[in-house]
C-alpha atoms as a PDB file:
ATOM      1  CA  MET A   1     129.518  81.540 -50.311  1.00  0.00           C
ATOM      2  CA  GLY A   2     132.311  84.106 -50.239  1.00  0.00           C
ATOM      3  CA  LYS A   3     134.838  84.817 -47.504  1.00  0.00           C
ATOM      4  CA  GLY A   4     132.909  87.945 -46.589  1.00  0.00           C
ATOM      5  CA  ASP A   5     130.060  85.716 -45.478  1.00  0.00           C
ATOM      6  CA  ARG A   6     132.259  83.705 -43.111  1.00  0.00           C
ATOM      7  CA  ILE A   7     132.654  83.892 -39.331  1.00  0.00           C
ATOM      8  CA  PRO A   8     136.422  84.077 -38.731  1.00  0.00           C
ATOM      9  CA  THR A   9     137.943  82.442 -35.669  1.00  0.00           C
ATOM     10  CA  GLY A  10     140.861  84.894 -35.582  1.00  0.00           C
ATOM     11  CA  ILE A  11     143.160  81.980 -34.664  1.00  0.00           C
ATOM     12  CA  SER A  12     146.479  82.568 -36.404  1.00  0.00           C
ATOM     13  CA  GLY A  13     146.784  80.397 -39.523  1.00  0.00           C
ATOM     14  CA  PHE A  14     143.525  78.500 -38.977  1.00  0.00           C
ATOM     15  CA  ASP A  15     141.009  80.508 -41.005  1.00  0.00           C
ATOM     16  CA  ALA A  16     143.116  79.961 -44.130  1.00  0.00           C
ATOM     17  CA  LEU A  17     142.346  76.247 -43.787  1.00  0.00           C
ATOM     18  CA  ILE A  18     138.548  76.779 -43.841  1.00  0.00           C
ATOM     19  CA  ASP A  19     137.984  79.350 -46.589  1.00  0.00           C
ATOM     20  CA  GLY A  20     138.079  82.293 -44.195  1.00  0.00           C
ATOM     21  CA  GLY A  21     136.024  81.046 -41.247  1.00  0.00           C
ATOM     22  CA  PHE A  22     132.953  79.124 -40.116  1.00  0.00           C
ATOM     23  CA  VAL A  23     129.698  79.051 -42.054  1.00  0.00           C
ATOM     24  CA  PRO A  24     127.198  81.432 -40.362  1.00  0.00           C
ATOM     25  CA  ASP A  25     124.611  79.753 -38.116  1.00  0.00           C
ATOM     26  CA  SER A  26     126.574  76.485 -38.149  1.00  0.00           C
ATOM     27  CA  PHE A  27     127.340  74.013 -35.350  1.00  0.00           C
ATOM     28  CA  ASN A  28     131.054  73.198 -35.232  1.00  0.00           C
ATOM     29  CA  LEU A  29     132.653  70.444 -33.157  1.00  0.00           C
ATOM     30  CA  VAL A  30     136.210  70.661 -31.812  1.00  0.00           C
ATOM     31  CA  THR A  31     137.256  67.270 -30.491  1.00  0.00           C
ATOM     32  CA  GLY A  32     140.335  65.486 -29.192  1.00  0.00           C
ATOM     33  CA  GLY A  33     141.972  63.869 -26.205  1.00  0.00           C
ATOM     34  CA  THR A  34     142.903  65.461 -22.907  1.00  0.00           C
ATOM     35  CA  GLY A  35     145.271  68.422 -23.145  1.00  0.00           C
ATOM     36  CA  THR A  36     145.042  68.910 -26.903  1.00  0.00           C
ATOM     37  CA  GLY A  37     143.895  72.548 -26.659  1.00  0.00           C
ATOM     38  CA  LYS A  38     140.129  72.271 -27.174  1.00  0.00           C
ATOM     39  CA  THR A  39     139.194  74.736 -24.427  1.00  0.00           C
ATOM     40  CA  ILE A  40     141.942  77.123 -25.555  1.00  0.00           C
ATOM     41  CA  PHE A  41     140.458  77.006 -29.071  1.00  0.00           C
ATOM     42  CA  SER A  42     137.001  77.817 -27.737  1.00  0.00           C
ATOM     43  CA  LEU A  43     138.181  80.649 -25.488  1.00  0.00           C
ATOM     44  CA  GLN A  44     140.333  82.126 -28.246  1.00  0.00           C
ATOM     45  CA  PHE A  45     137.415  82.020 -30.686  1.00  0.00           C
ATOM     46  CA  ALA A  46     135.163  83.670 -28.090  1.00  0.00           C
ATOM     47  CA  HIS A  47     137.700  86.416 -27.342  1.00  0.00           C
ATOM     48  CA  ASN A  48     138.335  87.168 -31.010  1.00  0.00           C
ATOM     49  CA  SER A  49     134.594  87.242 -31.720  1.00  0.00           C
ATOM     50  CA  ILE A  50     134.107  89.865 -29.004  1.00  0.00           C
ATOM     51  CA  LYS A  51     136.945  91.915 -30.508  1.00  0.00           C
ATOM     52  CA  SER A  52     135.136  91.831 -33.848  1.00  0.00           C
ATOM     53  CA  GLY A  53     131.978  93.224 -32.230  1.00  0.00           C
ATOM     54  CA  GLN A  54     129.952  90.059 -31.596  1.00  0.00           C
ATOM     55  CA  LYS A  55     128.271  89.160 -28.320  1.00  0.00           C
ATOM     56  CA  VAL A  56     129.186  85.712 -26.993  1.00  0.00           C
ATOM     57  CA  LEU A  57     127.488  83.167 -24.766  1.00  0.00           C
ATOM     58  CA  PHE A  58     129.936  80.714 -23.189  1.00  0.00           C
ATOM     59  CA  ILE A  59     128.216  77.643 -21.720  1.00  0.00           C
ATOM     60  CA  THR A  60     130.189  75.263 -19.554  1.00  0.00           C
ATOM     61  CA  PHE A  61     128.861  71.918 -18.393  1.00  0.00           C
ATOM     62  CA  GLU A  62     132.065  71.046 -16.535  1.00  0.00           C
ATOM     63  CA  GLU A  63     134.358  73.875 -15.519  1.00  0.00           C
ATOM     64  CA  ASN A  64     133.982  76.488 -12.819  1.00  0.00           C
ATOM     65  CA  VAL A  65     133.447  79.840 -14.535  1.00  0.00           C
ATOM     66  CA  ASP A  66     136.064  81.608 -12.417  1.00  0.00           C
ATOM     67  CA  ALA A  67     138.602  78.924 -13.338  1.00  0.00           C
ATOM     68  CA  LEU A  68     137.850  79.371 -17.039  1.00  0.00           C
ATOM     69  CA  ILE A  69     138.209  83.141 -16.814  1.00  0.00           C
ATOM     70  CA  GLY A  70     141.482  82.649 -14.919  1.00  0.00           C
ATOM     71  CA  ASP A  71     142.799  80.271 -17.582  1.00  0.00           C
ATOM     72  CA  ALA A  72     141.900  82.769 -20.306  1.00  0.00           C
ATOM     73  CA  ALA A  73     143.713  85.556 -18.460  1.00  0.00           C
ATOM     74  CA  GLU A  74     146.968  83.572 -18.781  1.00  0.00           C
ATOM     75  CA  PHE A  75     146.771  84.246 -22.528  1.00  0.00           C
ATOM     76  CA  GLY A  76     145.865  87.922 -22.076  1.00  0.00           C
ATOM     77  CA  TRP A  77     142.119  87.492 -22.688  1.00  0.00           C
ATOM     78  CA  ASP A  78     140.213  89.593 -20.168  1.00  0.00           C
ATOM     79  CA  PHE A  79     136.787  88.009 -19.976  1.00  0.00           C
ATOM     80  CA  SER A  80     136.096  89.656 -16.613  1.00  0.00           C
ATOM     81  CA  ASP A  81     136.033  93.019 -18.374  1.00  0.00           C
ATOM     82  CA  HIS A  82     133.986  91.625 -21.261  1.00  0.00           C
ATOM     83  CA  SER A  83     131.439  90.194 -18.819  1.00  0.00           C
ATOM     84  CA  GLN A  84     131.112  93.477 -16.918  1.00  0.00           C
ATOM     85  CA  LYS A  85     130.458  95.275 -20.203  1.00  0.00           C
ATOM     86  CA  GLU A  86     127.909  92.579 -21.184  1.00  0.00           C
ATOM     87  CA  LYS A  87     129.849  91.583 -24.269  1.00  0.00           C
ATOM     88  CA  CYS A  88     130.151  88.024 -23.003  1.00  0.00           C
ATOM     89  CA  PHE A  89     127.892  85.885 -20.832  1.00  0.00           C
ATOM     90  CA  PHE A  90     129.227  82.870 -18.942  1.00  0.00           C
ATOM     91  CA  VAL A  91     126.749  80.232 -17.806  1.00  0.00           C
ATOM     92  CA  SER A  92     127.586  77.112 -15.811  1.00  0.00           C
ATOM     93  CA  LEU A  93     124.870  74.501 -16.285  1.00  0.00           C
ATOM     94  CA  LYS A  94     124.315  71.070 -14.770  1.00  0.00           C
ATOM     95  CA  PRO A  95     122.119  69.111 -17.195  1.00  0.00           C
ATOM     96  CA  LEU A  96     121.562  66.338 -14.662  1.00  0.00           C
ATOM     97  CA  SER A  97     119.878  68.722 -12.221  1.00  0.00           C
ATOM     98  CA  ASN A  98     118.415  71.123 -14.805  1.00  0.00           C
ATOM     99  CA  PRO A  99     116.886  69.303 -17.799  1.00  0.00           C
ATOM    100  CA  ASN A 100     115.428  72.595 -19.078  1.00  0.00           C
ATOM    101  CA  TYR A 101     118.885  74.083 -19.662  1.00  0.00           C
ATOM    102  CA  PRO A 102     118.213  74.932 -23.375  1.00  0.00           C
ATOM    103  CA  ASP A 103     115.460  77.330 -22.313  1.00  0.00           C
ATOM    104  CA  GLU A 104     117.892  79.136 -20.018  1.00  0.00           C
ATOM    105  CA  PHE A 105     120.466  79.946 -22.638  1.00  0.00           C
ATOM    106  CA  ALA A 106     117.832  80.617 -25.313  1.00  0.00           C
ATOM    107  CA  LYS A 107     116.551  83.467 -23.105  1.00  0.00           C
ATOM    108  CA  ILE A 108     120.062  84.908 -22.813  1.00  0.00           C
ATOM    109  CA  ILE A 109     120.601  84.686 -26.573  1.00  0.00           C
ATOM    110  CA  LYS A 110     117.332  86.441 -27.393  1.00  0.00           C
ATOM    111  CA  LYS A 111     117.617  89.119 -24.709  1.00  0.00           C
ATOM    112  CA  ASN A 112     121.183  90.106 -25.591  1.00  0.00           C
ATOM    113  CA  SER A 113     121.284  89.496 -29.359  1.00  0.00           C
ATOM    114  CA  VAL A 114     124.016  86.892 -28.978  1.00  0.00           C
ATOM    115  CA  LYS A 115     125.402  85.553 -32.256  1.00  0.00           C
ATOM    116  CA  ILE A 116     128.314  83.401 -31.054  1.00  0.00           C
ATOM    117  CA  VAL A 117     127.854  80.437 -28.714  1.00  0.00           C
ATOM    118  CA  VAL A 118     130.565  78.253 -27.188  1.00  0.00           C
ATOM    119  CA  ILE A 119     129.782  74.991 -25.369  1.00  0.00           C
ATOM    120  CA  ASP A 120     132.504  73.303 -23.305  1.00  0.00           C
ATOM    121  CA  SER A 121     131.900  70.397 -23.377  1.00  0.00           C
ATOM    122  CA  VAL A 122     129.033  68.411 -24.897  1.00  0.00           C
ATOM    123  CA  SER A 123     130.606  65.176 -23.640  1.00  0.00           C
ATOM    124  CA  VAL A 124     128.849  65.757 -20.315  1.00  0.00           C
ATOM    125  CA  LEU A 125     125.499  65.264 -22.024  1.00  0.00           C
ATOM    126  CA  SER A 126     126.341  61.641 -22.787  1.00  0.00           C
ATOM    127  CA  MET A 127     126.446  60.966 -19.046  1.00  0.00           C
ATOM    128  CA  VAL A 128     122.914  62.295 -18.677  1.00  0.00           C
ATOM    129  CA  PHE A 129     121.551  59.673 -21.040  1.00  0.00           C
ATOM    130  CA  GLN A 130     123.799  56.862 -19.795  1.00  0.00           C
ATOM    131  CA  GLY A 131     124.388  55.215 -23.134  1.00  0.00           C
ATOM    132  CA  ASN A 132     120.852  55.632 -24.534  1.00  0.00           C
ATOM    133  CA  PHE A 133     121.833  56.324 -28.141  1.00  0.00           C
ATOM    134  CA  TYR A 134     118.337  57.292 -29.292  1.00  0.00           C
ATOM    135  CA  LYS A 135     117.780  59.865 -26.522  1.00  0.00           C
ATOM    136  CA  MET A 136     121.282  61.289 -26.914  1.00  0.00           C
ATOM    137  CA  ARG A 137     120.860  61.698 -30.672  1.00  0.00           C
ATOM    138  CA  ARG A 138     117.430  63.313 -30.207  1.00  0.00           C
ATOM    139  CA  GLU A 139     118.794  65.735 -27.585  1.00  0.00           C
ATOM    140  CA  MET A 140     121.689  66.749 -29.811  1.00  0.00           C
ATOM    141  CA  TYR A 141     119.385  67.322 -32.789  1.00  0.00           C
ATOM    142  CA  LEU A 142     117.108  69.502 -30.644  1.00  0.00           C
ATOM    143  CA  LEU A 143     120.084  71.453 -29.297  1.00  0.00           C
ATOM    144  CA  THR A 144     121.720  72.086 -32.676  1.00  0.00           C
ATOM    145  CA  ASP A 145     118.400  72.915 -34.345  1.00  0.00           C
ATOM    146  CA  LEU A 146     117.630  75.434 -31.579  1.00  0.00           C
ATOM    147  CA  LEU A 147     120.978  77.193 -31.979  1.00  0.00           C
ATOM    148  CA  ARG A 148     120.646  77.322 -35.761  1.00  0.00           C
ATOM    149  CA  ALA A 149     117.094  78.673 -35.454  1.00  0.00           C
ATOM    150  CA  LEU A 150     118.436  81.394 -33.141  1.00  0.00           C
ATOM    151  CA  ARG A 151     120.961  82.293 -35.901  1.00  0.00           C
ATOM    152  CA  CYS A 152     123.963  81.484 -33.736  1.00  0.00           C
ATOM    153  CA  THR A 153     127.338  80.217 -34.910  1.00  0.00           C
ATOM    154  CA  THR A 154     128.410  77.621 -32.364  1.00  0.00           C
ATOM    155  CA  VAL A 155     131.666  75.964 -31.367  1.00  0.00           C
ATOM    156  CA  ALA A 156     131.263  72.951 -29.087  1.00  0.00           C
ATOM    157  CA  THR A 157     134.069  70.856 -27.644  1.00  0.00           C
ATOM    158  CA  ALA A 158     134.004  67.112 -27.035  1.00  0.00           C
ATOM    159  CA  GLU A 159     136.431  64.599 -25.585  1.00  0.00           C
ATOM    160  CA  VAL A 160     137.583  61.303 -26.988  1.00  0.00           C
ATOM    161  CA  GLU A 161     139.090  58.505 -24.959  1.00  0.00           C
ATOM    162  CA  GLY A 162     142.812  58.475 -25.632  1.00  0.00           C
ATOM    163  CA  GLU A 163     143.968  60.305 -28.766  1.00  0.00           C
ATOM    164  CA  ALA A 164     141.943  61.152 -31.875  1.00  0.00           C
ATOM    165  CA  SER A 165     143.278  59.225 -34.872  1.00  0.00           C
ATOM    166  CA  LEU A 166     145.185  61.088 -37.580  1.00  0.00           C
ATOM    167  CA  ASP A 167     143.885  58.501 -40.049  1.00  0.00           C
ATOM    168  CA  VAL A 168     140.807  59.912 -41.791  1.00  0.00           C
ATOM    169  CA  THR A 169     139.637  56.357 -42.561  1.00  0.00           C
ATOM    170  CA  SER A 170     139.674  55.344 -38.903  1.00  0.00           C
ATOM    171  CA  SER A 171     136.402  54.039 -37.490  1.00  0.00           C
ATOM    172  CA  ASN A 172     137.173  55.350 -33.999  1.00  0.00           C
ATOM    173  CA  LYS A 173     134.573  57.565 -32.347  1.00  0.00           C
ATOM    174  CA  LEU A 174     135.282  61.302 -32.315  1.00  0.00           C
ATOM    175  CA  SER A 175     133.340  61.943 -29.108  1.00  0.00           C
ATOM    176  CA  ARG A 176     132.518  59.874 -26.050  1.00  0.00           C
ATOM    177  CA  ASP A 177     128.989  59.253 -27.310  1.00  0.00           C
ATOM    178  CA  GLY A 178     129.817  58.841 -31.003  1.00  0.00           C
ATOM    179  CA  VAL A 179     126.763  60.933 -31.923  1.00  0.00           C
ATOM    180  CA  VAL A 180     127.586  64.626 -32.091  1.00  0.00           C
ATOM    181  CA  GLU A 181     130.193  64.296 -34.880  1.00  0.00           C
ATOM    182  CA  PHE A 182     127.455  63.148 -37.273  1.00  0.00           C
ATOM    183  CA  ILE A 183     125.165  66.056 -36.406  1.00  0.00           C
ATOM    184  CA  ALA A 184     127.807  68.812 -36.517  1.00  0.00           C
ATOM    185  CA  ASP A 185     128.325  70.895 -39.649  1.00  0.00           C
ATOM    186  CA  ALA A 186     132.076  70.751 -39.091  1.00  0.00           C
ATOM    187  CA  VAL A 187     134.420  68.453 -37.172  1.00  0.00           C
ATOM    188  CA  ILE A 188     137.880  69.658 -36.169  1.00  0.00           C
ATOM    189  CA  THR A 189     140.205  67.190 -34.461  1.00  0.00           C
ATOM    190  CA  MET A 190     143.115  68.210 -32.237  1.00  0.00           C
ATOM    191  CA  HIS A 191     146.137  66.047 -31.556  1.00  0.00           C
ATOM    192  CA  ASN A 192     148.926  66.032 -28.981  1.00  0.00           C
ATOM    193  CA  ALA A 193     151.369  64.263 -31.277  1.00  0.00           C
ATOM    194  CA  GLY A 194     151.812  62.706 -34.659  1.00  0.00           C
ATOM    195  CA  ILE A 195     153.575  65.076 -37.067  1.00  0.00           C
ATOM    196  CA  GLY A 196     156.856  66.047 -35.474  1.00  0.00           C
ATOM    197  CA  GLY A 197     158.864  69.143 -36.326  1.00  0.00           C
ATOM    198  CA  GLU A 198     158.971  72.327 -34.290  1.00  0.00           C
ATOM    199  CA  ALA A 199     155.619  71.627 -32.678  1.00  0.00           C
ATOM    200  CA  ASP A 200     154.575  67.999 -32.265  1.00  0.00           C
ATOM    201  CA  ARG A 201     150.897  68.936 -32.184  1.00  0.00           C
ATOM    202  CA  ALA A 202     148.389  68.958 -34.993  1.00  0.00           C
ATOM    203  CA  ILE A 203     144.942  70.169 -35.982  1.00  0.00           C
ATOM    204  CA  ARG A 204     142.764  68.684 -38.721  1.00  0.00           C
ATOM    205  CA  VAL A 205     139.536  69.761 -40.394  1.00  0.00           C
ATOM    206  CA  LEU A 206     137.886  66.390 -40.829  1.00  0.00           C
ATOM    207  CA  LYS A 207     134.731  67.811 -42.407  1.00  0.00           C
ATOM    208  CA  MET A 208     133.103  71.185 -43.015  1.00  0.00           C
ATOM    209  CA  ARG A 209     129.915  71.469 -44.991  1.00  0.00           C
ATOM    210  CA  ARG A 210     129.753  73.974 -47.858  1.00  0.00           C
ATOM    211  CA  THR A 211     133.466  74.642 -47.499  1.00  0.00           C
ATOM    212  CA  PRO A 212     136.580  73.792 -49.532  1.00  0.00           C
ATOM    213  CA  HIS A 213     139.039  73.054 -46.726  1.00  0.00           C
ATOM    214  CA  GLU A 214     142.453  71.627 -45.971  1.00  0.00           C
ATOM    215  CA  LYS A 215     141.999  67.906 -45.309  1.00  0.00           C
ATOM    216  CA  SER A 216     145.438  66.905 -44.034  1.00  0.00           C
ATOM    217  CA  PRO A 217     146.721  67.274 -40.465  1.00  0.00           C
ATOM    218  CA  VAL A 218     148.458  70.626 -40.014  1.00  0.00           C
ATOM    219  CA  PRO A 219     151.156  71.405 -37.414  1.00  0.00           C
ATOM    220  CA  MET A 220     150.046  73.583 -34.524  1.00  0.00           C
ATOM    221  CA  LYS A 221     151.529  74.950 -31.328  1.00  0.00           C
ATOM    222  CA  ILE A 222     150.241  76.536 -28.135  1.00  0.00           C
ATOM    223  CA  THR A 223     151.950  79.817 -27.313  1.00  0.00           C
ATOM    224  CA  ASN A 224     151.485  82.330 -24.513  1.00  0.00           C
ATOM    225  CA  LYS A 225     149.060  84.125 -26.837  1.00  0.00           C
ATOM    226  CA  GLY A 226     147.017  81.069 -27.754  1.00  0.00           C
ATOM    227  CA  LEU A 227     146.952  78.602 -30.631  1.00  0.00           C
ATOM    228  CA  VAL A 228     149.007  79.129 -33.769  1.00  0.00           C
ATOM    229  CA  VAL A 229     148.588  76.997 -36.885  1.00  0.00           C
ATOM    230  CA  LEU A 230     151.932  76.711 -38.649  1.00  0.00           C
ATOM    231  CA  LYS A 231     151.084  75.782 -42.231  1.00  0.00           C
ATOM    232  CA  ASP A 232     151.508  79.309 -43.565  1.00  0.00           C
ATOM    233  CA  LYS A 233     154.957  79.492 -41.994  1.00  0.00           C
ATOM    234  CA  GLY A 234     156.321  76.604 -44.030  1.00  0.00           C
ATOM    235  CA  PHE A 235     156.270  73.888 -41.410  1.00  0.00           C
END
């Protein structure tokens, strides 16, 4: 698969780590502790995808849509305008009260020819199943299979308790349920600390199927224009 077949994130310095971008129609997990930049990653990917001419569906299980759009505006990403022009569709879903939520966003995807989907965050789903590993795994398989069948490239965020380990051999879970990281085509971990230097933050591509990728933690910072990965700048 060549770089021309990839779905770039447009995040400065990041696509160089993953052979030019995500694999088309893949399900990609961005995980880490609180405040590591997971939602910023997802919003930045969504904004850059719209700029490249793709329609985006942004599904939130947690946040108020207005709050998300307000947060994005702080970085100069005008999702209000994108929504009015039907380039982006925000949906706030409560899986506890609406178990048929996949049907809702499948209709939006089909009707509007959406190719990019963002889910923030899948950790909420683990609360629906209250620790039932079998049901959670089945639900995640159904969800990811649906999105792949709809030919969507997906970025989903998940939370870990505490801080994701920088040690690739660690047995710690990479999501609250410990399920979605095994189903995802790619797992990207985000870290508040651990490398030092100009920006004591890091990002790591733990796995990415069908992709030669950087495997070590790479320094990263959050600027007023979004995430910047610093590897190409010599840090």
